Amino acid sequence: MPVRAAGAESGTGIPKSPSDTMEELEHTCPQPRLTLTAPAPFADETSCQCQAPHEKLTIAQARLGTPVDRPVRVYADGIFDLFHAGHARALMQAKTLFPNSYLLVGVCSDDLTHKFKGFTVMNETERYEALRHCRYVDEVIRDAPWTLTPEFLEKHKIDFVAHDDIPYSSAGSDDVYKHIKEAGMFVPTQRTEGISTSDIITRIVRDYDVYARRNLQRGYTAKELNVSFINEKKYRFQNQVDKMKEKVKNVEEKSKEFVYKVEEKSHDLIQKWEEKSREFIGNFLELFGPDGAWKQMFQERSGRMLQAFSPRQSPNSSPTRGRSPSRSPSPPWVINKTSPPSSPKAASASLSSMSEGDEDEK
């Protein structure tokens, strides 16, 4: 009775002859990493030694899911210089294209990269290690080819190639992935806008003086930075100027803080002074105002003094009021010396009045 490969249960396997044993038909492909306690292995250290035929899958079949022992092998390649978030997002998309996938990442060597693209900031060993420590990568292929050949795809049993859909012209070709697309093995991913290795290098070149000055300050030599003698002196002088500016800035900030504290204290003092002033004015008006206590007290004392200096007169009914024994009536013949008559007529009038008075008394 013929035995089918494990992948044949999903309708993608190819029947084998009865002479084939179970060991020969079982898949021995490496499984995706379940834990992140170690970096991803290199392909030459754990090469795929699958005995069962690597049957071709369609994208629809891969999206439905494959058996656990037969993950979909997805390949993504690149230079990955100055590994950044854009690289990580592309690998994340490649890893999550299918429910059960095994992500292989090919990294081109320095010689190949310098020949077709240009000089890199990180060398190939650094770029390999950066990829090994990405959580989405299951396996790293060193010295990956610039153009994928059928032999390379067969060797690593690659099902699909993941890359952004923009035509990548290089090595005399308008699109190095054209034959992969025609074979139905290409799965597009989305680029992350706003970040790329070229953008990062552009920032470094634009701010070269700043980084050179910073590294000189950190202890790097001018020779290590490829800085001329004149530029070295200029950068060091600028560093000294920056230090002085920083000191001045610190002094200004401390001065502002001191002034702020003084203003805050002054405000509190002024507020307290105003409160005390209001209290003093209120007390003053209460004591010396138009209806103050001092006026009432002054009026009371003035009244007492007036009573002391001018006592009340005796009433009219007093018996001593009519005649006083100490006073005797002046005789009619006494003429008032203090007021002499101003004229003879006045003198005669006074004499007549005196005579009339004498007649009345008689």
Protein backbone atom coordinates (compact mmCIF):
# COMPACT_ATOMS: atom_id res chain seq x y z
CA MET A 1 0.00 0.00 0.00
CA PRO A 2 1.57 3.28 -1.02
CA VAL A 3 2.52 5.74 1.66
CA ARG A 4 2.13 9.51 1.14
CA ALA A 5 4.40 12.16 2.44
CA ALA A 6 3.28 14.16 5.42
CA GLY A 7 2.56 17.15 3.22
CA ALA A 8 0.38 14.99 0.96
CA GLU A 9 -2.41 14.97 3.56
CA SER A 10 -3.16 18.59 2.65
CA GLY A 11 -3.42 17.71 -1.01
CA THR A 12 0.07 18.88 -1.93
CA GLY A 13 2.07 15.66 -1.54
CA ILE A 14 3.24 13.31 -4.25
CA PRO A 15 2.59 9.55 -3.82
CA LYS A 16 5.69 7.48 -3.29
CA SER A 17 6.36 3.93 -4.27
CA PRO A 18 5.78 1.13 -1.75
CA SER A 19 9.53 0.59 -1.48
CA ASP A 20 10.03 3.93 0.21
CA THR A 21 10.20 3.77 4.01
CA MET A 22 8.65 6.17 6.54
CA GLU A 23 12.08 7.53 7.51
CA GLU A 24 12.76 8.53 3.93
CA LEU A 25 9.40 10.29 3.60
CA GLU A 26 9.42 12.23 6.84
CA HIS A 27 10.38 15.88 6.71
CA THR A 28 13.53 16.77 8.59
CA CYS A 29 13.49 20.49 7.83
CA PRO A 30 14.48 22.72 10.79
CA GLN A 31 11.53 24.06 12.71
CA PRO A 32 10.88 27.73 13.47
CA ARG A 33 12.41 29.08 16.66
CA LEU A 34 10.02 28.93 19.58
CA THR A 35 12.27 30.61 22.15
CA LEU A 36 14.70 33.49 21.82
CA THR A 37 17.40 32.27 24.18
CA ALA A 38 20.03 32.05 21.44
CA PRO A 39 20.77 33.75 18.11
CA ALA A 40 19.52 32.27 14.87
CA PRO A 41 21.84 29.61 13.38
CA PHE A 42 23.72 29.87 10.11
CA ALA A 43 22.50 27.81 7.17
CA ASP A 44 25.81 25.99 6.72
CA GLU A 45 25.64 24.86 10.36
CA THR A 46 22.12 23.38 10.11
CA SER A 47 21.54 22.60 6.46
CA CYS A 48 18.21 21.18 5.41
CA GLN A 49 18.58 17.40 4.91
CA CYS A 50 14.99 16.61 4.02
CA GLN A 51 14.43 13.08 2.70
CA ALA A 52 10.90 13.71 1.49
CA PRO A 53 10.39 15.55 -1.79
CA HIS A 54 9.93 19.28 -1.37
CA GLU A 55 6.63 19.58 -3.17
CA LYS A 56 5.81 22.94 -4.71
CA LEU A 57 3.21 25.05 -2.93
CA THR A 58 0.95 27.75 -4.21
CA ILE A 59 0.40 30.95 -2.26
CA ALA A 60 -3.23 29.94 -1.60
CA GLN A 61 -2.13 26.57 -0.17
CA ALA A 62 0.50 28.23 2.01
CA ARG A 63 -2.02 30.70 3.40
CA LEU A 64 -4.33 27.84 4.42
CA GLY A 65 -1.55 26.37 6.57
CA THR A 66 0.78 23.42 6.37
CA PRO A 67 1.57 20.59 8.78
CA VAL A 68 3.81 21.38 11.70
CA ASP A 69 6.67 19.30 10.33
CA ARG A 70 6.46 21.05 6.97
CA PRO A 71 6.78 24.84 7.48
CA VAL A 72 6.65 27.16 4.50
CA ARG A 73 10.25 28.20 3.80
CA VAL A 74 10.33 31.94 3.01
CA TYR A 75 13.51 33.64 1.83
CA ALA A 76 14.43 37.33 2.15
CA ASP A 77 17.77 38.82 1.17
CA GLY A 78 19.55 42.13 1.36
CA ILE A 79 22.63 44.05 2.47
CA PHE A 80 21.21 45.05 5.87
CA ASP A 81 23.85 47.71 6.49
CA LEU A 82 23.20 49.78 9.64
CA PHE A 83 20.36 47.45 10.59
CA HIS A 84 17.34 49.63 11.45
CA ALA A 85 13.58 49.49 12.03
CA GLY A 86 12.82 49.42 8.30
CA HIS A 87 14.77 46.17 7.96
CA ALA A 88 13.07 44.68 11.01
CA ARG A 89 9.59 45.56 9.74
CA ALA A 90 10.30 43.97 6.36
CA LEU A 91 11.45 40.76 8.05
CA MET A 92 8.41 40.81 10.33
CA GLN A 93 6.15 40.95 7.27
CA ALA A 94 8.04 38.10 5.62
CA LYS A 95 7.76 36.00 8.76
CA THR A 96 4.00 36.56 9.12
CA LEU A 97 3.03 36.02 5.48
CA PHE A 98 1.83 32.47 6.26
CA PRO A 99 0.53 30.77 9.42
CA ASN A 100 3.44 28.32 9.57
CA SER A 101 6.61 29.78 8.10
CA TYR A 102 10.37 29.40 8.43
CA LEU A 103 12.26 32.57 7.53
CA LEU A 104 15.66 32.32 5.89
CA VAL A 105 17.59 35.58 5.44
CA GLY A 106 20.40 35.87 2.93
CA VAL A 107 23.11 38.48 3.53
CA CYS A 108 25.53 39.43 0.75
CA SER A 109 29.24 39.51 1.46
CA ASP A 110 31.43 42.61 1.44
CA ASP A 111 33.08 41.76 -1.90
CA LEU A 112 29.77 41.27 -3.66
CA THR A 113 28.21 44.36 -2.11
CA HIS A 114 31.14 46.64 -2.90
CA LYS A 115 31.10 45.39 -6.48
CA PHE A 116 27.41 45.96 -7.24
CA LYS A 117 26.27 48.57 -4.74
CA GLY A 118 29.08 50.35 -2.94
CA PHE A 119 30.98 50.63 0.29
CA THR A 120 29.25 49.65 3.52
CA VAL A 121 29.54 51.08 7.01
CA MET A 122 29.33 47.68 8.73
CA ASN A 123 31.44 44.77 7.55
CA GLU A 124 29.89 41.43 6.64
CA THR A 125 30.53 39.82 10.05
CA GLU A 126 28.74 42.68 11.82
CA ARG A 127 25.86 42.46 9.38
CA TYR A 128 25.56 38.68 9.84
CA GLU A 129 25.42 39.06 13.61
CA ALA A 130 22.84 41.85 13.40
CA LEU A 131 20.50 39.53 11.49
CA ARG A 132 21.09 36.59 13.82
CA HIS A 133 19.77 38.61 16.74
CA CYS A 134 16.55 39.68 15.04
CA ARG A 135 13.56 37.92 16.59
CA TYR A 136 11.86 37.18 13.23
CA VAL A 137 14.83 35.35 11.66
CA ASP A 138 15.06 31.55 11.86
CA GLU A 139 18.21 31.07 9.80
CA VAL A 140 20.93 33.24 8.25
CA ILE A 141 22.59 32.43 4.94
CA ARG A 142 26.05 33.96 4.64
CA ASP A 143 27.52 35.11 1.32
CA ALA A 144 24.13 35.09 -0.38
CA PRO A 145 24.08 35.44 -4.20
CA TRP A 146 23.17 38.73 -5.84
CA THR A 147 20.78 36.99 -8.24
CA LEU A 148 18.84 33.93 -7.15
CA THR A 149 19.49 30.85 -9.23
CA PRO A 150 17.37 27.66 -9.45
CA GLU A 151 20.25 25.75 -7.88
CA PHE A 152 20.28 28.07 -4.85
CA LEU A 153 16.51 27.82 -4.46
CA GLU A 154 16.65 24.04 -4.65
CA LYS A 155 19.59 23.77 -2.26
CA HIS A 156 17.79 25.66 0.50
CA LYS A 157 14.34 24.30 -0.49
CA ILE A 158 12.88 27.80 -0.74
CA ASP A 159 9.14 28.04 -1.34
CA PHE A 160 8.73 31.83 -1.70
CA VAL A 161 10.87 34.95 -1.90
CA ALA A 162 9.73 38.03 0.04
CA HIS A 163 10.77 41.54 -0.98
CA ASP A 164 9.16 44.91 -1.68
CA ASP A 165 7.45 45.08 -5.07
CA ILE A 166 9.54 47.98 -6.43
CA PRO A 167 11.67 46.73 -9.38
CA TYR A 168 15.26 46.34 -8.13
CA SER A 169 17.56 47.15 -11.00
CA SER A 170 21.10 45.87 -10.53
CA ALA A 171 23.81 43.78 -12.16
CA GLY A 172 22.66 44.73 -15.64
CA SER A 173 19.04 43.74 -15.02
CA ASP A 174 15.97 45.92 -14.78
CA ASP A 175 14.62 43.70 -12.00
CA VAL A 176 16.68 40.96 -10.36
CA TYR A 177 13.45 39.34 -9.08
CA LYS A 178 11.76 39.19 -12.47
CA HIS A 179 12.24 35.44 -12.95
CA ILE A 180 11.03 34.80 -9.37
CA LYS A 181 7.84 36.75 -10.09
CA GLU A 182 7.29 34.85 -13.31
CA ALA A 183 7.65 31.53 -11.45
CA GLY A 184 4.91 32.56 -8.97
CA MET A 185 7.32 32.44 -6.02
CA PHE A 186 7.40 36.17 -5.23
CA VAL A 187 5.46 37.59 -2.26
CA PRO A 188 5.58 41.39 -1.87
CA THR A 189 6.16 43.27 1.38
CA GLN A 190 5.69 46.96 2.17
CA ARG A 191 8.57 49.40 2.59
CA THR A 192 8.79 51.57 5.68
CA GLU A 193 8.82 55.17 4.55
CA GLY A 194 11.06 57.73 6.18
CA ILE A 195 13.97 55.47 7.08
CA SER A 196 16.68 53.69 5.12
CA THR A 197 20.41 53.07 5.28
CA SER A 198 20.99 55.87 2.77
CA ASP A 199 18.97 58.28 4.92
CA ILE A 200 21.05 57.45 7.99
CA ILE A 201 24.32 57.90 6.09
CA THR A 202 23.03 61.22 4.73
CA ARG A 203 22.40 62.43 8.27
CA ILE A 204 25.92 61.46 9.30
CA VAL A 205 27.48 63.24 6.32
CA ARG A 206 25.31 66.32 6.89
CA ASP A 207 26.27 66.54 10.56
CA TYR A 208 29.84 65.31 10.10
CA ASP A 209 31.40 68.22 12.04
CA VAL A 210 29.16 67.56 15.02
CA TYR A 211 30.01 63.85 15.16
CA ALA A 212 33.74 64.51 14.60
CA ARG A 213 33.81 67.02 17.46
CA ARG A 214 31.88 64.65 19.71
CA ASN A 215 34.22 61.74 19.04
CA LEU A 216 37.29 63.92 19.54
CA GLN A 217 35.84 64.91 22.90
CA ARG A 218 35.27 61.24 23.74
CA GLY A 219 38.92 60.37 23.19
CA TYR A 220 39.21 59.34 19.52
CA THR A 221 42.31 60.60 17.74
CA ALA A 222 42.31 62.77 14.64
CA LYS A 223 43.97 59.94 12.73
CA GLU A 224 41.18 57.51 13.62
CA LEU A 225 38.60 60.05 12.44
CA ASN A 226 40.65 60.98 9.33
CA VAL A 227 40.61 64.62 10.44
CA SER A 228 43.32 67.05 9.37
CA PHE A 229 45.48 68.93 11.87
CA ILE A 230 43.76 72.25 11.18
CA ASN A 231 40.28 70.76 11.49
CA GLU A 232 41.28 69.04 14.70
CA LYS A 233 42.34 72.36 16.25
CA LYS A 234 39.16 73.99 14.96
CA TYR A 235 36.97 71.26 16.43
CA ARG A 236 38.75 71.38 19.78
CA PHE A 237 38.38 75.16 19.89
CA GLN A 238 34.67 74.81 19.10
CA ASN A 239 34.35 72.26 21.90
CA GLN A 240 35.89 74.78 24.31
CA VAL A 241 33.50 77.45 23.09
CA ASP A 242 30.59 75.09 23.58
CA LYS A 243 31.74 74.36 27.12
CA MET A 244 31.86 78.08 27.88
CA LYS A 245 28.39 78.52 26.38
CA GLU A 246 27.14 75.69 28.54
CA LYS A 247 28.61 77.31 31.64
CA VAL A 248 27.07 80.65 30.74
CA LYS A 249 23.76 78.93 30.13
CA ASN A 250 23.94 77.23 33.53
CA VAL A 251 24.74 80.56 35.20
CA GLU A 252 21.81 82.20 33.42
CA GLU A 253 19.48 79.42 34.48
CA LYS A 254 20.67 79.69 38.08
CA SER A 255 20.30 83.48 37.93
CA LYS A 256 16.78 83.16 36.59
CA GLU A 257 15.98 80.70 39.33
CA PHE A 258 17.41 83.10 41.95
CA VAL A 259 15.48 86.05 40.51
CA TYR A 260 12.34 83.97 40.47
CA LYS A 261 12.80 83.07 44.12
CA VAL A 262 13.48 86.72 45.02
CA GLU A 263 10.38 87.81 43.13
CA GLU A 264 8.36 85.14 44.87
CA LYS A 265 9.66 86.26 48.28
CA SER A 266 9.09 89.92 47.37
CA HIS A 267 5.55 89.16 46.35
CA ASP A 268 4.94 87.45 49.67
CA LEU A 269 6.49 90.38 51.57
CA ILE A 270 4.45 92.93 49.62
CA GLN A 271 1.30 90.95 50.25
CA LYS A 272 2.03 90.77 53.96
CA TRP A 273 2.91 94.50 54.02
CA GLU A 274 -0.39 95.34 52.35
CA GLU A 275 -2.27 93.26 54.87
CA LYS A 276 -0.47 94.94 57.77
CA SER A 277 -1.01 98.38 56.19
CA ARG A 278 -4.73 97.77 55.88
CA GLU A 279 -4.84 96.60 59.48
CA PHE A 280 -2.86 99.68 60.66
CA ILE A 281 -5.06 102.12 58.71
CA GLY A 282 -8.19 100.47 60.04
CA ASN A 283 -6.94 100.71 63.61
CA PHE A 284 -5.89 104.35 63.06
CA LEU A 285 -9.29 105.33 61.69
CA GLU A 286 -11.02 103.48 64.46
CA LEU A 287 -9.01 105.51 67.00
CA PHE A 288 -8.59 108.90 65.32
CA GLY A 289 -11.40 108.96 62.74
CA PRO A 290 -14.43 111.28 62.72
CA ASP A 291 -16.30 108.93 65.03
CA GLY A 292 -13.24 107.44 66.63
CA ALA A 293 -12.67 106.60 70.24
CA TRP A 294 -10.13 109.42 70.68
CA LYS A 295 -12.69 112.10 69.70
CA GLN A 296 -15.25 110.73 72.09
CA MET A 297 -12.70 110.65 74.88
CA PHE A 298 -11.56 114.20 74.06
CA GLN A 299 -15.13 115.47 74.10
CA GLU A 300 -15.76 113.83 77.46
CA ARG A 301 -12.64 115.38 78.98
CA SER A 302 -13.40 118.80 77.48
CA GLY A 303 -16.87 118.72 79.04
CA ARG A 304 -15.42 117.90 82.42
CA MET A 305 -12.89 120.71 82.20
CA LEU A 306 -15.59 123.23 81.24
CA GLN A 307 -17.69 122.15 84.15
CA ALA A 308 -14.71 122.55 86.44
CA PHE A 309 -13.89 126.10 85.25
CA SER A 310 -17.53 127.43 84.95
CA PRO A 311 -19.87 125.99 87.62
CA ARG A 312 -23.58 126.35 87.27
CA GLN A 313 -25.27 129.64 88.53
CA SER A 314 -27.78 129.66 91.41
CA PRO A 315 -31.42 129.63 90.43
CA ASN A 316 -33.47 132.85 90.30
CA SER A 317 -35.61 131.88 93.33
CA SER A 318 -32.59 131.97 95.63
CA PRO A 319 -33.11 134.48 98.57
CA THR A 320 -29.63 135.84 98.10
CA ARG A 321 -30.41 136.71 94.51
CA GLY A 322 -32.50 139.81 95.34
CA ARG A 323 -30.17 141.62 97.65
CA SER A 324 -26.68 140.82 98.57
CA PRO A 325 -25.44 142.01 101.99
CA SER A 326 -22.01 142.60 100.60
CA ARG A 327 -23.29 145.12 98.14
CA SER A 328 -24.85 148.44 99.17
CA PRO A 329 -26.65 150.79 96.86
CA SER A 330 -24.59 153.68 95.70
CA PRO A 331 -25.79 157.10 96.84
CA PRO A 332 -27.51 159.03 94.19
CA TRP A 333 -25.02 161.84 94.38
CA VAL A 334 -22.12 159.66 93.35
CA ILE A 335 -21.31 160.27 89.79
CA ASN A 336 -19.82 157.44 87.72
CA LYS A 337 -16.29 158.47 87.06
CA THR A 338 -15.58 155.88 84.48
CA SER A 339 -18.21 157.21 82.09
CA PRO A 340 -18.31 161.05 82.18
CA PRO A 341 -21.07 162.74 80.27
CA SER A 342 -20.16 163.34 76.74
CA SER A 343 -22.12 166.65 76.54
CA PRO A 344 -23.98 169.19 78.77
CA LYS A 345 -27.26 167.81 77.57
CA ALA A 346 -26.28 164.38 78.73
CA ALA A 347 -25.19 165.77 82.07
CA SER A 348 -28.47 167.57 82.60
CA ALA A 349 -30.33 164.42 81.61
CA SER A 350 -28.44 162.40 84.17
CA LEU A 351 -29.16 164.99 86.90
CA SER A 352 -32.82 164.93 86.05
CA SER A 353 -32.90 161.19 86.21
CA MET A 354 -31.21 161.23 89.57
CA SER A 355 -33.73 163.73 90.89
CA GLU A 356 -36.56 161.59 89.67
CA GLY A 357 -35.03 158.66 91.41
CA ASP A 358 -34.91 160.55 94.66
CA GLU A 359 -38.55 161.51 94.32
CA ASP A 360 -39.48 157.87 93.83
CA GLU A 361 -37.61 156.83 96.93
CA LYS A 362 -39.47 159.49 98.94
